[in-house]
Protein backbone atom coordinates (compact mmCIF):
# COMPACT_ATOMS: atom_id res chain seq x y z
CA MET A 1 0.00 0.00 0.00
CA ALA A 2 1.42 3.35 -0.91
CA ASP A 3 2.08 6.02 1.79
CA THR A 4 -0.54 8.79 1.89
CA ASP A 5 0.49 12.42 2.59
CA PHE A 6 -1.95 13.85 5.23
CA SER A 7 -0.05 17.10 5.94
CA PHE A 8 -2.15 20.31 5.73
CA SER A 9 -0.87 23.76 5.05
CA GLU A 10 -2.19 26.77 7.00
CA GLU A 11 -4.30 27.74 4.01
CA ASP A 12 -5.82 24.27 3.93
CA VAL A 13 -6.79 24.49 7.63
CA ILE A 14 -8.42 27.90 7.18
CA ALA A 15 -10.33 26.73 4.11
CA TYR A 16 -11.45 23.60 5.97
CA LEU A 17 -12.83 25.59 8.94
CA LYS A 18 -14.54 28.15 6.71
CA ALA A 19 -16.31 25.32 4.94
CA ARG A 20 -17.59 24.04 8.29
CA PRO A 21 -18.85 27.08 10.35
CA ASN A 22 -20.65 24.82 12.84
CA LEU A 23 -17.37 23.16 13.74
CA LEU A 24 -15.67 26.52 14.31
CA GLU A 25 -18.50 27.65 16.63
CA LYS A 26 -18.24 24.40 18.59
CA LEU A 27 -14.49 24.83 19.05
CA ASN A 28 -14.97 28.36 20.33
CA LYS A 29 -17.59 27.25 22.85
CA GLU A 30 -15.40 24.43 24.16
CA ALA A 31 -12.47 26.84 24.60
CA LYS A 32 -14.62 29.21 26.68
CA ASP A 33 -16.00 26.40 28.84
CA SER A 34 -12.53 25.02 29.43
CA SER A 35 -11.26 28.46 30.53
CA SER A 36 -14.10 28.96 33.01
CA ASP A 37 -13.93 25.41 34.44
CA GLY A 38 -10.22 25.66 35.14
CA ALA A 39 -10.69 28.74 37.36
CA SER A 40 -7.03 29.49 36.85
CA VAL A 41 -7.67 32.83 35.17
CA VAL A 42 -9.31 35.52 37.32
CA ASP A 43 -10.15 39.00 36.05
CA LEU A 44 -9.05 41.40 38.82
CA THR A 45 -9.46 44.54 36.75
CA GLY A 46 -12.62 45.65 38.56
CA MET A 47 -11.19 44.93 42.02
CA ILE A 48 -7.95 46.76 41.28
CA ALA A 49 -9.82 49.74 39.87
CA ALA A 50 -12.12 49.90 42.92
CA LYS A 51 -9.15 49.76 45.28
CA ALA A 52 -7.37 52.47 43.29
CA ARG A 53 -10.45 54.71 43.48
CA THR A 54 -10.74 54.14 47.26
CA GLU A 55 -7.06 54.97 47.77
CA ALA A 56 -7.37 58.06 45.59
CA ARG A 57 -10.35 59.28 47.65
CA ARG A 58 -8.44 58.62 50.90
CA LEU A 59 -5.41 60.59 49.70
CA ALA A 60 -7.62 63.42 48.43
CA ALA A 61 -9.43 63.62 51.79
CA ARG A 62 -6.11 63.59 53.68
CA ASN A 63 -4.66 66.33 51.49
CA GLN A 64 -7.81 68.42 51.91
CA SER A 65 -7.61 67.95 55.68
CA LEU A 66 -4.00 69.16 55.68
CA LEU A 67 -4.95 72.17 53.56
CA ASP A 68 -7.85 73.01 55.88
CA ALA A 69 -5.58 72.73 58.95
CA ALA A 70 -2.95 74.97 57.34
CA ALA A 71 -5.58 77.56 56.41
CA SER A 72 -7.02 77.45 59.92
CA ASN A 73 -3.60 77.90 61.52
CA MET A 74 -2.83 80.85 59.25
CA LEU A 75 -6.14 82.47 60.19
CA HIS A 76 -5.44 81.99 63.92
CA TRP A 77 -2.01 83.61 63.62
CA GLN A 78 -3.56 86.55 61.80
CA GLU A 79 -6.15 86.89 64.57
CA LEU A 80 -3.45 86.81 67.25
CA HIS A 81 -1.45 89.41 65.32
CA HIS A 82 -4.44 91.76 65.16
CA ALA A 83 -5.19 91.23 68.86
CA THR A 84 -1.57 91.96 69.81
CA LEU A 85 -1.56 95.21 67.84
CA GLY A 86 -4.86 96.20 69.46
CA PHE A 87 -3.61 95.66 73.02
CA LEU A 88 -0.30 97.40 72.32
CA ALA A 89 -2.22 100.41 71.04
CA CYS A 90 -4.17 100.80 74.31
CA THR A 91 -3.07 103.93 76.16
CA ASN A 92 -4.94 103.28 79.42
CA LEU A 93 -6.66 100.49 81.38
CA THR A 94 -10.13 101.60 80.34
CA GLY A 95 -9.15 101.15 76.71
CA PHE A 96 -7.57 97.81 77.60
CA ALA A 97 -10.83 96.56 79.13
CA GLN A 98 -12.76 97.80 76.10
CA MET A 99 -10.32 95.97 73.85
CA VAL A 100 -11.21 92.75 75.67
CA ASP A 101 -14.97 93.31 75.80
CA GLU A 102 -15.57 94.86 72.38
CA GLU A 103 -12.71 94.07 70.00
CA LEU A 104 -11.77 90.48 70.86
CA PRO A 105 -15.25 89.14 69.97
CA ILE A 106 -14.95 90.80 66.57
CA ILE A 107 -11.40 89.61 65.89
CA PHE A 108 -12.08 86.00 66.87
CA SER A 109 -15.76 85.82 65.81
CA LEU A 110 -16.96 85.28 69.38
CA ALA A 111 -20.21 86.00 71.20
CA GLY A 112 -18.38 87.78 74.03
CA ALA A 113 -15.19 88.16 76.08
CA ARG A 114 -14.42 89.22 79.68
CA LEU A 115 -11.30 89.54 81.80
CA ILE A 116 -11.83 88.46 85.40
CA MET A 117 -9.59 89.56 88.26
CA PRO A 118 -9.56 87.88 91.69
CA ALA A 119 -11.16 90.08 94.34
CA GLU A 120 -8.28 89.41 96.71
CA THR A 121 -5.67 91.04 94.43
CA ALA A 122 -7.71 93.09 91.92
CA LEU A 123 -7.06 96.72 91.17
CA ASP A 124 -8.96 99.07 93.49
CA ASN A 125 -11.09 100.42 90.65
CA ALA A 126 -11.09 97.29 88.48
CA GLU A 127 -14.86 97.21 87.97
CA GLU A 128 -14.97 100.93 87.19
CA LEU A 129 -12.32 100.37 84.55
CA GLY A 130 -14.41 97.61 82.96
CA PHE A 131 -12.95 94.41 84.39
CA LEU A 132 -15.03 91.74 86.12
CA VAL A 133 -14.09 90.95 89.74
CA LEU A 134 -14.84 87.59 91.40
CA PRO A 135 -13.43 85.73 94.41
CA ALA A 136 -10.42 83.58 93.54
CA ALA A 137 -12.37 80.45 94.50
CA GLU A 138 -15.04 81.21 91.89
CA ILE A 139 -12.40 81.82 89.24
CA SER A 140 -10.90 78.44 90.08
CA GLN A 141 -14.37 76.94 89.74
CA ILE A 142 -14.76 78.49 86.30
CA LEU A 143 -11.40 77.10 85.26
CA ALA A 144 -12.47 73.70 86.64
CA ALA A 145 -9.17 73.54 88.58
CA GLN A 146 -7.23 73.56 85.31
CA THR A 147 -5.26 76.08 83.30
CA ILE A 148 -7.83 76.02 80.50
CA TYR A 149 -11.49 75.10 80.47
CA LEU A 150 -13.31 74.28 77.22
CA GLY A 151 -16.91 73.21 77.28
CA SER A 152 -20.47 73.99 78.16
CA ALA A 153 -21.21 77.35 79.77
CA GLU A 154 -23.55 75.60 82.23
CA LYS A 155 -20.58 74.12 84.10
CA THR A 156 -18.75 77.38 84.77
CA GLY A 157 -20.71 78.44 87.84
CA PRO A 158 -21.33 82.23 87.96
CA VAL A 159 -23.18 83.99 85.15
CA LEU A 160 -20.53 85.79 83.12
CA PHE A 161 -22.48 87.25 80.19
CA SER A 162 -25.80 89.01 79.83
CA THR A 163 -27.03 86.37 77.35
CA PRO A 164 -26.47 82.59 77.56
CA ALA A 165 -23.35 81.37 75.77
CA ALA A 166 -23.40 78.28 73.58
CA SER A 167 -19.89 77.37 74.78
CA ILE A 168 -17.17 78.78 77.02
CA ALA A 169 -13.39 78.93 76.98
CA ALA A 170 -11.73 80.03 80.23
CA ILE A 171 -7.95 80.54 80.20
CA ALA A 172 -5.81 81.43 83.19
CA LEU A 173 -3.41 84.30 82.59
CA PRO A 174 0.27 83.40 83.07
CA ASP A 175 0.93 82.57 86.73
CA GLN A 176 4.55 83.73 86.50
CA LEU A 177 3.39 87.33 86.19
CA PRO A 178 2.70 89.39 89.34
CA PRO A 179 -0.80 90.07 90.78
CA PRO A 180 -3.37 91.05 89.74
CA ILE A 181 -2.44 89.33 86.46
CA CYS A 182 -1.59 86.10 88.22
CA GLY A 183 -4.90 84.59 89.26
CA SER A 184 -6.88 86.41 86.56
CA ALA A 185 -8.66 84.61 83.74
CA LEU A 186 -9.80 85.40 80.22
CA ILE A 187 -13.34 84.18 79.51
CA LEU A 188 -14.53 83.74 75.92
CA ALA A 189 -18.10 82.95 74.84
CA GLY A 190 -18.54 80.90 71.68
CA ARG A 191 -21.33 81.38 69.18
CA THR A 192 -21.88 77.62 68.81
CA GLU A 193 -21.16 74.47 70.79
CA GLU A 194 -18.25 73.76 68.40
CA SER A 195 -16.63 77.20 68.66
CA PHE A 196 -13.73 75.84 70.74
CA GLN A 197 -11.79 72.67 69.98
CA PRO A 198 -9.27 70.84 72.21
CA ASN A 199 -6.36 71.82 69.96
CA HIS A 200 -7.19 75.51 70.53
CA GLY A 201 -6.24 75.19 74.19
CA LYS A 202 -2.60 74.37 73.46
CA THR A 203 -2.07 76.93 70.71
CA LEU A 204 -4.47 79.76 70.07
CA LEU A 205 -5.85 80.31 73.57
CA THR A 206 -2.60 79.95 75.52
CA ASN A 207 -0.89 82.38 73.15
CA LEU A 208 -3.78 84.82 73.51
CA ALA A 209 -3.65 84.62 77.32
CA GLU A 210 0.10 85.26 77.30
CA ILE A 211 -0.29 88.25 74.97
CA ILE A 212 -2.98 89.77 77.19
CA GLY A 213 -0.99 89.11 80.37
CA VAL A 214 2.21 90.72 79.05
CA CYS A 215 0.39 93.69 77.53
CA LEU A 216 -1.57 94.24 80.74
CA LEU A 217 1.65 94.17 82.76
CA ALA A 218 3.18 96.78 80.47
CA ARG A 219 0.11 98.98 80.86
CA LEU A 220 0.17 98.66 84.67
CA GLU A 221 3.88 99.52 84.83
CA ALA A 222 3.28 102.57 82.63
CA ARG A 223 0.72 104.10 85.02
């Protein structure tokens, strides 16, 4: 029997499949079924894209938070700068008290501000000048036995403002300065319950109390 040549060229294979479209469709279906049954190929495109979007949103939120914090810090420093210039410009104690009562609320967008001196060491005419005078024990109560008090006005004891305050910040003036500055406290009334944040106590409010204490000392020495 003679040998038969069964070799096909590429053109022969293509022509054979074109002549049998049903066979080509069957081969395609079997290839798809084999790929899905093996479970060795997993399309992670959607998962990767979702994770990338989540990470992008997280980074965007973090960057926005940093920008907001930087803008807030810049605003606070500007406010402190304006307050410092205002207190340095005071030529007498009456003007100093007015600076506290009238200008500080405007500069820091507050509902009110008062400077309290302890009755035991207060200036003789402190109330006439415009300062508030209370016993040292009541000032300690307002401060809640701390250097700074941030919170509800209901917990501060004595009524400090003519209208109820949504929140209160009470800051002791520097205790290294002589009386009547030592023992005095700056009281700020917030417009909302969120007017004062914990981070304000270590930056904005302590700096403000130090500025007021030093400027008040300079005014007392100049009398």
